[in-house]
């Protein structure tokens, strides 16, 4: 320690050499959709609060939520709700001790991704 020579230690793997796996990507997407749904919930609460306050305030909130920006945000919110729901079901399945092998976990990941898109399209068509 007195000579100030740095200790040579192996470096840990870095993101540039790490290959993302489907299971890690779906886990990250679950966290992202959960946080994005908070923003969507705030917008919906703002809209409802505006309706309770008065017509002038409601017209502003309604103009934002029914604009092209609001349509995109709400459509992506529907996608987020479906994805977060399916990922939650997948995690319940994992918590029961099932599907923990890699092939099954990847199939369930694809099922969450594809299922959320299909259910979003169905929801947007119906609603």
Protein backbone atom coordinates (compact mmCIF):
# COMPACT_ATOMS: atom_id res chain seq x y z
CA UNK A 1 0.00 0.00 0.00
CA UNK A 2 2.87 2.35 0.65
CA UNK A 3 4.13 2.26 -2.93
CA UNK A 4 0.73 3.26 -4.42
CA UNK A 5 0.67 0.42 -6.94
CA UNK A 6 -2.96 -0.26 -8.02
CA UNK A 7 -4.32 -3.72 -7.32
CA UNK A 8 -5.09 -5.60 -10.52
CA UNK A 9 -8.57 -7.07 -10.36
CA UNK A 10 -10.67 -8.60 -13.10
CA UNK A 11 -13.26 -6.32 -14.66
CA UNK A 12 -16.91 -7.22 -14.43
CA UNK A 13 -18.90 -7.71 -17.67
CA UNK A 14 -20.13 -4.52 -19.24
CA UNK A 15 -23.27 -3.82 -21.23
CA UNK A 16 -21.28 -3.69 -24.44
CA UNK A 17 -20.41 -7.38 -24.19
CA UNK A 18 -23.60 -8.56 -22.51
CA UNK A 19 -26.24 -10.01 -24.83
CA UNK A 20 -29.73 -9.05 -23.59
CA UNK A 21 -32.04 -12.03 -23.22
CA UNK A 22 -35.78 -12.07 -23.79
CA UNK A 23 -36.43 -12.70 -20.10
CA UNK A 24 -34.40 -9.67 -19.06
CA UNK A 25 -36.04 -7.46 -21.68
CA UNK A 26 -39.53 -8.51 -20.61
CA UNK A 27 -38.62 -7.86 -16.99
CA UNK A 28 -37.41 -4.37 -17.86
CA UNK A 29 -40.57 -3.75 -19.93
CA UNK A 30 -42.70 -4.75 -16.93
CA UNK A 31 -41.04 -2.07 -14.84
CA UNK A 32 -41.32 0.52 -17.63
CA UNK A 33 -45.01 -0.16 -18.23
CA UNK A 34 -45.74 -0.01 -14.51
CA UNK A 35 -44.18 3.43 -14.25
CA UNK A 36 -45.76 4.65 -17.49
CA UNK A 37 -49.18 3.64 -16.21
CA UNK A 38 -48.69 6.01 -13.28
CA UNK A 39 -48.39 8.89 -15.75
CA UNK A 40 -51.52 7.72 -17.56
CA UNK A 41 -53.40 7.48 -14.28
CA UNK A 42 -52.39 11.04 -13.43
CA UNK A 43 -53.77 12.23 -16.78
CA UNK A 44 -57.08 10.43 -16.23
CA UNK A 45 -57.37 11.83 -12.69
CA UNK A 46 -56.62 15.30 -14.07
CA UNK A 47 -59.42 14.85 -16.62
CA UNK A 48 -61.88 13.69 -13.94
CA UNK A 49 -60.86 16.50 -11.59
CA UNK A 50 -61.31 19.00 -14.39
CA UNK A 51 -64.82 17.67 -14.98
CA UNK A 52 -65.60 18.23 -11.30
CA UNK A 53 -64.15 21.76 -11.21
CA UNK A 54 -66.00 23.34 -14.09
CA UNK A 55 -66.62 23.52 -17.82
CA UNK A 56 -63.73 25.85 -18.68
CA UNK A 57 -61.16 23.68 -16.95
CA UNK A 58 -62.77 20.53 -18.34
CA UNK A 59 -62.56 21.88 -21.91
CA UNK A 60 -58.78 22.30 -21.53
CA UNK A 61 -58.25 18.80 -20.12
CA UNK A 62 -60.60 17.25 -22.64
CA UNK A 63 -58.84 19.04 -25.51
CA UNK A 64 -55.52 17.55 -24.40
CA UNK A 65 -56.83 14.02 -23.91
CA UNK A 66 -58.81 13.95 -27.15
CA UNK A 67 -56.00 15.44 -29.27
CA UNK A 68 -53.65 13.30 -31.35
CA UNK A 69 -51.19 13.39 -28.44
CA UNK A 70 -53.85 12.20 -25.99
CA UNK A 71 -54.94 9.46 -28.39
CA UNK A 72 -51.36 8.18 -28.65
CA UNK A 73 -50.83 8.31 -24.88
CA UNK A 74 -54.09 6.52 -24.12
CA UNK A 75 -53.50 3.89 -26.83
CA UNK A 76 -50.05 3.20 -25.45
CA UNK A 77 -51.62 3.06 -21.99
CA UNK A 78 -53.92 0.29 -23.16
CA UNK A 79 -50.86 -1.57 -24.46
CA UNK A 80 -49.15 -0.99 -21.12
CA UNK A 81 -52.13 -2.26 -19.15
CA UNK A 82 -52.36 -5.46 -21.18
CA UNK A 83 -48.62 -6.08 -21.10
CA UNK A 84 -48.38 -5.42 -17.37
CA UNK A 85 -51.37 -7.69 -16.73
CA UNK A 86 -49.96 -10.58 -18.79
CA UNK A 87 -46.51 -10.15 -17.25
CA UNK A 88 -48.11 -10.26 -13.81
CA UNK A 89 -49.83 -13.53 -14.67
CA UNK A 90 -46.50 -14.88 -15.92
CA UNK A 91 -44.82 -13.92 -12.65
CA UNK A 92 -47.59 -15.61 -10.66
CA UNK A 93 -46.90 -18.73 -12.71
CA UNK A 94 -43.19 -18.41 -11.93
CA UNK A 95 -43.91 -17.86 -8.23
CA UNK A 96 -45.79 -21.15 -8.17
CA UNK A 97 -42.55 -22.83 -9.29
CA UNK A 98 -43.65 -23.52 -12.86
CA UNK A 99 -42.06 -22.54 -16.16
CA UNK A 100 -38.66 -21.72 -14.72
CA UNK A 101 -36.72 -23.55 -17.42
CA UNK A 102 -35.31 -21.34 -20.18
CA UNK A 103 -37.44 -22.58 -23.12
CA UNK A 104 -40.70 -22.17 -21.20
CA UNK A 105 -39.68 -18.77 -19.82
CA UNK A 106 -38.91 -17.56 -23.35
CA UNK A 107 -42.22 -18.88 -24.68
CA UNK A 108 -44.05 -17.08 -21.90
CA UNK A 109 -42.11 -13.90 -22.69
CA UNK A 110 -43.15 -14.06 -26.32
CA UNK A 111 -46.71 -14.81 -25.20
CA UNK A 112 -46.70 -11.60 -23.11
CA UNK A 113 -45.34 -9.50 -25.97
CA UNK A 114 -47.58 -10.89 -28.72
CA UNK A 115 -50.61 -11.26 -26.45
CA UNK A 116 -50.44 -7.67 -25.30
CA UNK A 117 -50.33 -6.38 -28.88
CA UNK A 118 -53.23 -8.62 -29.95
CA UNK A 119 -55.34 -7.67 -26.92
CA UNK A 120 -54.55 -3.97 -27.47
CA UNK A 121 -55.71 -4.14 -31.08
CA UNK A 122 -58.90 -5.94 -30.03
CA UNK A 123 -59.52 -3.37 -27.29
CA UNK A 124 -58.97 -0.42 -29.63
CA UNK A 125 -61.32 -1.94 -32.21
CA UNK A 126 -64.07 -2.59 -29.65
CA UNK A 127 -63.71 0.68 -27.78
